[in-house]
Amino acid sequence: KKEKSPSQDPLVYNVADEETEWLQSFLLLL
């Protein structure tokens, strides 16, 4: 909910950023 901000440019997409975000989220929850 907190991260649903339109601050990121939808044209710039990086798979590495998505994987890093997932790992960071998982480790934070753990």
PDB file of all heavy atoms in Angstrom:
ATOM      1  N   LYS A   1       0.827  -1.206   0.000  1.00  0.00           N
ATOM      2  CA  LYS A   1       0.000   0.000   0.000  1.00  0.00           C
ATOM      3  C   LYS A   1       0.861   1.255   0.000  1.00  0.00           C
ATOM      4  O   LYS A   1       0.594   2.216  -0.719  1.00  0.00           O
ATOM      5  CB  LYS A   1      -0.898   0.033   1.240  1.00  0.00           C
ATOM      6  CG  LYS A   1      -2.165  -0.737   1.123  1.00  0.00           C
ATOM      7  CD  LYS A   1      -2.976  -0.512   2.381  1.00  0.00           C
ATOM      8  CE  LYS A   1      -4.297  -1.182   2.346  1.00  0.00           C
ATOM      9  NZ  LYS A   1      -5.038  -0.985   3.603  1.00  0.00           N
ATOM     10  N   LYS A   2       1.922   1.234   0.826  1.00  0.00           N
ATOM     11  CA  LYS A   2       2.799   2.404   0.929  1.00  0.00           C
ATOM     12  C   LYS A   2       3.573   2.644  -0.362  1.00  0.00           C
ATOM     13  O   LYS A   2       3.885   3.773  -0.699  1.00  0.00           O
ATOM     14  CB  LYS A   2       3.791   2.217   2.080  1.00  0.00           C
ATOM     15  CG  LYS A   2       3.151   2.299   3.444  1.00  0.00           C
ATOM     16  CD  LYS A   2       4.183   2.065   4.526  1.00  0.00           C
ATOM     17  CE  LYS A   2       3.544   2.021   5.896  1.00  0.00           C
ATOM     18  NZ  LYS A   2       4.515   1.740   6.951  1.00  0.00           N
ATOM     19  N   GLU A   3       3.903   1.563  -1.073  1.00  0.00           N
ATOM     20  CA  GLU A   3       4.728   1.687  -2.271  1.00  0.00           C
ATOM     21  C   GLU A   3       3.935   1.985  -3.537  1.00  0.00           C
ATOM     22  O   GLU A   3       4.513   2.095  -4.602  1.00  0.00           O
ATOM     23  CB  GLU A   3       5.544   0.415  -2.460  1.00  0.00           C
ATOM     24  CG  GLU A   3       6.609   0.236  -1.419  1.00  0.00           C
ATOM     25  CD  GLU A   3       7.413  -1.020  -1.624  1.00  0.00           C
ATOM     26  OE1 GLU A   3       7.016  -1.846  -2.475  1.00  0.00           O
ATOM     27  OE2 GLU A   3       8.429  -1.181  -0.939  1.00  0.00           O
ATOM     28  N   LYS A   4       2.634   2.121  -3.443  1.00  0.00           N
ATOM     29  CA  LYS A   4       1.822   2.391  -4.633  1.00  0.00           C
ATOM     30  C   LYS A   4       1.850   3.880  -4.974  1.00  0.00           C
ATOM     31  O   LYS A   4       0.829   4.540  -5.048  1.00  0.00           O
ATOM     32  CB  LYS A   4       0.378   1.939  -4.417  1.00  0.00           C
ATOM     33  CG  LYS A   4       0.201   0.460  -4.531  1.00  0.00           C
ATOM     34  CD  LYS A   4      -1.253   0.094  -4.548  1.00  0.00           C
ATOM     35  CE  LYS A   4      -1.422  -1.388  -4.725  1.00  0.00           C
ATOM     36  NZ  LYS A   4      -2.809  -1.783  -4.756  1.00  0.00           N
ATOM     37  N   SER A   5       3.032   4.383  -5.199  1.00  0.00           N
ATOM     38  CA  SER A   5       3.163   5.783  -5.590  1.00  0.00           C
ATOM     39  C   SER A   5       3.641   5.836  -7.039  1.00  0.00           C
ATOM     40  O   SER A   5       4.511   5.069  -7.436  1.00  0.00           O
ATOM     41  CB  SER A   5       4.135   6.514  -4.668  1.00  0.00           C
ATOM     42  OG  SER A   5       5.418   5.944  -4.778  1.00  0.00           O
ATOM     43  N   PRO A   6       3.102   6.752  -7.825  1.00  0.00           N
ATOM     44  CA  PRO A   6       3.474   6.828  -9.242  1.00  0.00           C
ATOM     45  C   PRO A   6       4.793   7.560  -9.475  1.00  0.00           C
ATOM     46  O   PRO A   6       4.985   8.197 -10.471  1.00  0.00           O
ATOM     47  CB  PRO A   6       2.304   7.585  -9.866  1.00  0.00           C
ATOM     48  CG  PRO A   6       1.802   8.459  -8.770  1.00  0.00           C
ATOM     49  CD  PRO A   6       2.030   7.687  -7.495  1.00  0.00           C
ATOM     50  N   SER A   7       5.740   7.462  -8.517  1.00  0.00           N
ATOM     51  CA  SER A   7       6.983   8.202  -8.653  1.00  0.00           C
ATOM     52  C   SER A   7       7.953   7.560  -9.651  1.00  0.00           C
ATOM     53  O   SER A   7       8.826   8.221 -10.164  1.00  0.00           O
ATOM     54  CB  SER A   7       7.673   8.327  -7.283  1.00  0.00           C
ATOM     55  OG  SER A   7       7.976   7.039  -6.781  1.00  0.00           O
ATOM     56  N   GLN A   8       7.807   6.276  -9.926  1.00  0.00           N
ATOM     57  CA  GLN A   8       8.714   5.614 -10.854  1.00  0.00           C
ATOM     58  C   GLN A   8       8.219   5.762 -12.292  1.00  0.00           C
ATOM     59  O   GLN A   8       7.027   5.729 -12.554  1.00  0.00           O
ATOM     60  CB  GLN A   8       8.841   4.137 -10.518  1.00  0.00           C
ATOM     61  CG  GLN A   8       9.517   3.892  -9.196  1.00  0.00           C
ATOM     62  CD  GLN A   8       9.651   2.407  -8.916  1.00  0.00           C
ATOM     63  OE1 GLN A   8       9.038   1.596  -9.606  1.00  0.00           O
ATOM     64  NE2 GLN A   8      10.426   2.069  -7.916  1.00  0.00           N
ATOM     65  N   ASP A   9       9.155   5.908 -13.198  1.00  0.00           N
ATOM     66  CA  ASP A   9       8.836   6.037 -14.615  1.00  0.00           C
ATOM     67  C   ASP A   9       8.493   4.652 -15.164  1.00  0.00           C
ATOM     68  O   ASP A   9       9.304   3.746 -15.103  1.00  0.00           O
ATOM     69  CB  ASP A   9      10.042   6.623 -15.358  1.00  0.00           C
ATOM     70  CG  ASP A   9       9.746   6.905 -16.805  1.00  0.00           C
ATOM     71  OD1 ASP A   9       8.555   6.855 -17.185  1.00  0.00           O
ATOM     72  OD2 ASP A   9      10.691   7.193 -17.551  1.00  0.00           O
ATOM     73  N   PRO A  10       7.288   4.455 -15.706  1.00  0.00           N
ATOM     74  CA  PRO A  10       6.910   3.132 -16.195  1.00  0.00           C
ATOM     75  C   PRO A  10       7.726   2.668 -17.399  1.00  0.00           C
ATOM     76  O   PRO A  10       7.748   1.497 -17.721  1.00  0.00           O
ATOM     77  CB  PRO A  10       5.433   3.279 -16.556  1.00  0.00           C
ATOM     78  CG  PRO A  10       5.200   4.729 -16.722  1.00  0.00           C
ATOM     79  CD  PRO A  10       6.216   5.428 -15.875  1.00  0.00           C
ATOM     80  N   LEU A  11       8.419   3.588 -18.096  1.00  0.00           N
ATOM     81  CA  LEU A  11       9.194   3.207 -19.255  1.00  0.00           C
ATOM     82  C   LEU A  11      10.529   2.578 -18.871  1.00  0.00           C
ATOM     83  O   LEU A  11      11.116   1.844 -19.647  1.00  0.00           O
ATOM     84  CB  LEU A  11       9.445   4.430 -20.152  1.00  0.00           C
ATOM     85  CG  LEU A  11       8.186   5.092 -20.722  1.00  0.00           C
ATOM     86  CD1 LEU A  11       8.574   6.333 -21.507  1.00  0.00           C
ATOM     87  CD2 LEU A  11       7.424   4.117 -21.599  1.00  0.00           C
ATOM     88  N   VAL A  12      11.022   2.884 -17.673  1.00  0.00           N
ATOM     89  CA  VAL A  12      12.291   2.345 -17.214  1.00  0.00           C
ATOM     90  C   VAL A  12      11.987   1.113 -16.380  1.00  0.00           C
ATOM     91  O   VAL A  12      11.454   1.186 -15.292  1.00  0.00           O
ATOM     92  CB  VAL A  12      13.060   3.389 -16.374  1.00  0.00           C
ATOM     93  CG1 VAL A  12      14.360   2.804 -15.879  1.00  0.00           C
ATOM     94  CG2 VAL A  12      13.301   4.642 -17.185  1.00  0.00           C
ATOM     95  N   TYR A  13      12.347  -0.050 -16.922  1.00  0.00           N
ATOM     96  CA  TYR A  13      12.059  -1.315 -16.252  1.00  0.00           C
ATOM     97  C   TYR A  13      13.333  -2.139 -16.206  1.00  0.00           C
ATOM     98  O   TYR A  13      13.982  -2.352 -17.224  1.00  0.00           O
ATOM     99  CB  TYR A  13      10.963  -2.076 -17.003  1.00  0.00           C
ATOM    100  CG  TYR A  13      10.619  -3.398 -16.390  1.00  0.00           C
ATOM    101  CD1 TYR A  13       9.859  -3.456 -15.238  1.00  0.00           C
ATOM    102  CD2 TYR A  13      11.085  -4.581 -16.951  1.00  0.00           C
ATOM    103  CE1 TYR A  13       9.549  -4.671 -14.663  1.00  0.00           C
ATOM    104  CE2 TYR A  13      10.779  -5.793 -16.390  1.00  0.00           C
ATOM    105  CZ  TYR A  13      10.007  -5.836 -15.244  1.00  0.00           C
ATOM    106  OH  TYR A  13       9.696  -7.037 -14.666  1.00  0.00           O
ATOM    107  N   ASN A  14      13.693  -2.573 -15.021  1.00  0.00           N
ATOM    108  CA  ASN A  14      14.908  -3.347 -14.863  1.00  0.00           C
ATOM    109  C   ASN A  14      14.582  -4.604 -14.065  1.00  0.00           C
ATOM    110  O   ASN A  14      14.077  -4.523 -12.955  1.00  0.00           O
ATOM    111  CB  ASN A  14      15.961  -2.502 -14.148  1.00  0.00           C
ATOM    112  CG  ASN A  14      17.326  -3.143 -14.181  1.00  0.00           C
ATOM    113  OD1 ASN A  14      17.466  -4.314 -14.498  1.00  0.00           O
ATOM    114  ND2 ASN A  14      18.334  -2.361 -13.841  1.00  0.00           N
ATOM    115  N   VAL A  15      14.866  -5.757 -14.614  1.00  0.00           N
ATOM    116  CA  VAL A  15      14.569  -7.027 -13.953  1.00  0.00           C
ATOM    117  C   VAL A  15      15.400  -7.174 -12.688  1.00  0.00           C
ATOM    118  O   VAL A  15      14.926  -7.673 -11.673  1.00  0.00           O
ATOM    119  CB  VAL A  15      14.831  -8.210 -14.912  1.00  0.00           C
ATOM    120  CG1 VAL A  15      14.642  -9.531 -14.205  1.00  0.00           C
ATOM    121  CG2 VAL A  15      13.922  -8.114 -16.125  1.00  0.00           C
ATOM    122  N   ALA A  16      16.638  -6.711 -12.711  1.00  0.00           N
ATOM    123  CA  ALA A  16      17.507  -6.820 -11.537  1.00  0.00           C
ATOM    124  C   ALA A  16      16.922  -6.039 -10.364  1.00  0.00           C
ATOM    125  O   ALA A  16      16.980  -6.489  -9.228  1.00  0.00           O
ATOM    126  CB  ALA A  16      18.905  -6.331 -11.861  1.00  0.00           C
ATOM    127  N   ASP A  17      16.352  -4.873 -10.634  1.00  0.00           N
ATOM    128  CA  ASP A  17      15.736  -4.085  -9.570  1.00  0.00           C
ATOM    129  C   ASP A  17      14.551  -4.835  -8.968  1.00  0.00           C
ATOM    130  O   ASP A  17      14.349  -4.813  -7.761  1.00  0.00           O
ATOM    131  CB  ASP A  17      15.272  -2.722 -10.095  1.00  0.00           C
ATOM    132  CG  ASP A  17      16.435  -1.799 -10.413  1.00  0.00           C
ATOM    133  OD1 ASP A  17      17.546  -2.047  -9.889  1.00  0.00           O
ATOM    134  OD2 ASP A  17      16.231  -0.834 -11.169  1.00  0.00           O
ATOM    135  N   GLU A  18      13.771  -5.494  -9.818  1.00  0.00           N
ATOM    136  CA  GLU A  18      12.612  -6.238  -9.333  1.00  0.00           C
ATOM    137  C   GLU A  18      13.050  -7.407  -8.447  1.00  0.00           C
ATOM    138  O   GLU A  18      12.474  -7.650  -7.396  1.00  0.00           O
ATOM    139  CB  GLU A  18      11.800  -6.760 -10.514  1.00  0.00           C
ATOM    140  CG  GLU A  18      10.528  -7.461 -10.089  1.00  0.00           C
ATOM    141  CD  GLU A  18       9.704  -7.894 -11.277  1.00  0.00           C
ATOM    142  OE1 GLU A  18       9.472  -7.066 -12.172  1.00  0.00           O
ATOM    143  OE2 GLU A  18       9.298  -9.061 -11.297  1.00  0.00           O
ATOM    144  N   GLU A  19      14.085  -8.130  -8.880  1.00  0.00           N
ATOM    145  CA  GLU A  19      14.593  -9.251  -8.083  1.00  0.00           C
ATOM    146  C   GLU A  19      15.172  -8.761  -6.766  1.00  0.00           C
ATOM    147  O   GLU A  19      14.967  -9.379  -5.730  1.00  0.00           O
ATOM    148  CB  GLU A  19      15.652 -10.031  -8.869  1.00  0.00           C
ATOM    149  CG  GLU A  19      15.093 -10.810 -10.020  1.00  0.00           C
ATOM    150  CD  GLU A  19      14.112 -11.880  -9.573  1.00  0.00           C
ATOM    151  OE1 GLU A  19      14.355 -12.551  -8.565  1.00  0.00           O
ATOM    152  OE2 GLU A  19      13.081 -12.032 -10.248  1.00  0.00           O
ATOM    153  N   THR A  20      15.881  -7.654  -6.783  1.00  0.00           N
ATOM    154  CA  THR A  20      16.447  -7.092  -5.563  1.00  0.00           C
ATOM    155  C   THR A  20      15.340  -6.649  -4.624  1.00  0.00           C
ATOM    156  O   THR A  20      15.432  -6.875  -3.416  1.00  0.00           O
ATOM    157  CB  THR A  20      17.369  -5.906  -5.902  1.00  0.00           C
ATOM    158  OG1 THR A  20      18.370  -6.349  -6.815  1.00  0.00           O
ATOM    159  CG2 THR A  20      18.030  -5.359  -4.665  1.00  0.00           C
ATOM    160  N   GLU A  21      14.309  -6.032  -5.160  1.00  0.00           N
ATOM    161  CA  GLU A  21      13.177  -5.608  -4.338  1.00  0.00           C
ATOM    162  C   GLU A  21      12.512  -6.801  -3.676  1.00  0.00           C
ATOM    163  O   GLU A  21      12.195  -6.758  -2.495  1.00  0.00           O
ATOM    164  CB  GLU A  21      12.135  -4.873  -5.188  1.00  0.00           C
ATOM    165  CG  GLU A  21      12.316  -3.392  -5.230  1.00  0.00           C
ATOM    166  CD  GLU A  21      11.183  -2.726  -5.979  1.00  0.00           C
ATOM    167  OE1 GLU A  21      10.014  -3.089  -5.760  1.00  0.00           O
ATOM    168  OE2 GLU A  21      11.488  -1.835  -6.776  1.00  0.00           O
ATOM    169  N   TRP A  22      12.313  -7.886  -4.429  1.00  0.00           N
ATOM    170  CA  TRP A  22      11.682  -9.078  -3.877  1.00  0.00           C
ATOM    171  C   TRP A  22      12.527  -9.657  -2.742  1.00  0.00           C
ATOM    172  O   TRP A  22      12.008 -10.013  -1.690  1.00  0.00           O
ATOM    173  CB  TRP A  22      11.493 -10.125  -4.965  1.00  0.00           C
ATOM    174  CG  TRP A  22      10.904 -11.387  -4.446  1.00  0.00           C
ATOM    175  CD1 TRP A  22       9.584 -11.652  -4.284  1.00  0.00           C
ATOM    176  CD2 TRP A  22      11.603 -12.537  -3.983  1.00  0.00           C
ATOM    177  NE1 TRP A  22       9.414 -12.912  -3.765  1.00  0.00           N
ATOM    178  CE2 TRP A  22      10.641 -13.473  -3.548  1.00  0.00           C
ATOM    179  CE3 TRP A  22      12.935 -12.875  -3.871  1.00  0.00           C
ATOM    180  CZ2 TRP A  22      10.975 -14.719  -3.038  1.00  0.00           C
ATOM    181  CZ3 TRP A  22      13.270 -14.115  -3.364  1.00  0.00           C
ATOM    182  CH2 TRP A  22      12.290 -15.017  -2.959  1.00  0.00           C
ATOM    183  N   LEU A  23      13.829  -9.737  -2.959  1.00  0.00           N
ATOM    184  CA  LEU A  23      14.725 -10.277  -1.940  1.00  0.00           C
ATOM    185  C   LEU A  23      14.742  -9.387  -0.707  1.00  0.00           C
ATOM    186  O   LEU A  23      14.688  -9.878   0.423  1.00  0.00           O
ATOM    187  CB  LEU A  23      16.138 -10.430  -2.503  1.00  0.00           C
ATOM    188  CG  LEU A  23      17.179 -11.015  -1.558  1.00  0.00           C
ATOM    189  CD1 LEU A  23      16.776 -12.421  -1.131  1.00  0.00           C
ATOM    190  CD2 LEU A  23      18.543 -11.011  -2.211  1.00  0.00           C
ATOM    191  N   GLN A  24      14.800  -8.083  -0.899  1.00  0.00           N
ATOM    192  CA  GLN A  24      14.783  -7.153   0.235  1.00  0.00           C
ATOM    193  C   GLN A  24      13.478  -7.274   1.013  1.00  0.00           C
ATOM    194  O   GLN A  24      13.482  -7.280   2.242  1.00  0.00           O
ATOM    195  CB  GLN A  24      14.983  -5.719  -0.240  1.00  0.00           C
ATOM    196  CG  GLN A  24      16.400  -5.418  -0.665  1.00  0.00           C
ATOM    197  CD  GLN A  24      16.541  -4.018  -1.222  1.00  0.00           C
ATOM    198  OE1 GLN A  24      15.556  -3.346  -1.507  1.00  0.00           O
ATOM    199  NE2 GLN A  24      17.775  -3.570  -1.375  1.00  0.00           N
ATOM    200  N   SER A  25      12.372  -7.384   0.314  1.00  0.00           N
ATOM    201  CA  SER A  25      11.076  -7.530   0.973  1.00  0.00           C
ATOM    202  C   SER A  25      11.019  -8.822   1.772  1.00  0.00           C
ATOM    203  O   SER A  25      10.565  -8.835   2.917  1.00  0.00           O
ATOM    204  CB  SER A  25       9.944  -7.527  -0.050  1.00  0.00           C
ATOM    205  OG  SER A  25       9.900  -6.323  -0.736  1.00  0.00           O
ATOM    206  N   PHE A  26      11.494  -9.910   1.165  1.00  0.00           N
ATOM    207  CA  PHE A  26      11.492 -11.194   1.846  1.00  0.00           C
ATOM    208  C   PHE A  26      12.352 -11.149   3.105  1.00  0.00           C
ATOM    209  O   PHE A  26      11.935 -11.599   4.182  1.00  0.00           O
ATOM    210  CB  PHE A  26      11.979 -12.292   0.911  1.00  0.00           C
ATOM    211  CG  PHE A  26      12.145 -13.613   1.584  1.00  0.00           C
ATOM    212  CD1 PHE A  26      11.039 -14.376   1.916  1.00  0.00           C
ATOM    213  CD2 PHE A  26      13.404 -14.076   1.919  1.00  0.00           C
ATOM    214  CE1 PHE A  26      11.179 -15.595   2.558  1.00  0.00           C
ATOM    215  CE2 PHE A  26      13.558 -15.289   2.566  1.00  0.00           C
ATOM    216  CZ  PHE A  26      12.441 -16.052   2.888  1.00  0.00           C
ATOM    217  N   LEU A  27      13.564 -10.609   2.991  1.00  0.00           N
ATOM    218  CA  LEU A  27      14.459 -10.551   4.140  1.00  0.00           C
ATOM    219  C   LEU A  27      13.918  -9.641   5.234  1.00  0.00           C
ATOM    220  O   LEU A  27      14.061  -9.935   6.426  1.00  0.00           O
ATOM    221  CB  LEU A  27      15.851 -10.105   3.703  1.00  0.00           C
ATOM    222  CG  LEU A  27      16.615 -11.097   2.831  1.00  0.00           C
ATOM    223  CD1 LEU A  27      17.935 -10.507   2.362  1.00  0.00           C
ATOM    224  CD2 LEU A  27      16.842 -12.403   3.575  1.00  0.00           C
ATOM    225  N   LEU A  28      13.282  -8.552   4.847  1.00  0.00           N
ATOM    226  CA  LEU A  28      12.672  -7.663   5.836  1.00  0.00           C
ATOM    227  C   LEU A  28      11.537  -8.358   6.575  1.00  0.00           C
ATOM    228  O   LEU A  28      11.441  -8.279   7.807  1.00  0.00           O
ATOM    229  CB  LEU A  28      12.157  -6.389   5.161  1.00  0.00           C
ATOM    230  CG  LEU A  28      11.489  -5.374   6.082  1.00  0.00           C
ATOM    231  CD1 LEU A  28      12.510  -4.808   7.055  1.00  0.00           C
ATOM    232  CD2 LEU A  28      10.851  -4.264   5.272  1.00  0.00           C
ATOM    233  N   LEU A  29      10.682  -9.063   5.849  1.00  0.00           N
ATOM    234  CA  LEU A  29       9.588  -9.802   6.489  1.00  0.00           C
ATOM    235  C   LEU A  29      10.129 -10.900   7.405  1.00  0.00           C
ATOM    236  O   LEU A  29       9.623 -11.100   8.506  1.00  0.00           O
ATOM    237  CB  LEU A  29       8.682 -10.429   5.432  1.00  0.00           C
ATOM    238  CG  LEU A  29       7.754  -9.479   4.703  1.00  0.00           C
ATOM    239  CD1 LEU A  29       7.065 -10.209   3.559  1.00  0.00           C
ATOM    240  CD2 LEU A  29       6.740  -8.898   5.638  1.00  0.00           C
ATOM    241  N   LEU A  30      11.155 -11.591   6.953  1.00  0.00           N
ATOM    242  CA  LEU A  30      11.765 -12.638   7.768  1.00  0.00           C
ATOM    243  C   LEU A  30      12.355 -12.046   9.051  1.00  0.00           C
ATOM    244  O   LEU A  30      12.130 -12.564  10.151  1.00  0.00           O
ATOM    245  CB  LEU A  30      12.845 -13.357   6.970  1.00  0.00           C
ATOM    246  CG  LEU A  30      13.570 -14.497   7.680  1.00  0.00           C
ATOM    247  CD1 LEU A  30      12.594 -15.635   7.981  1.00  0.00           C
ATOM    248  CD2 LEU A  30      14.718 -14.984   6.832  1.00  0.00           C
TER     249      LEU A  30
END
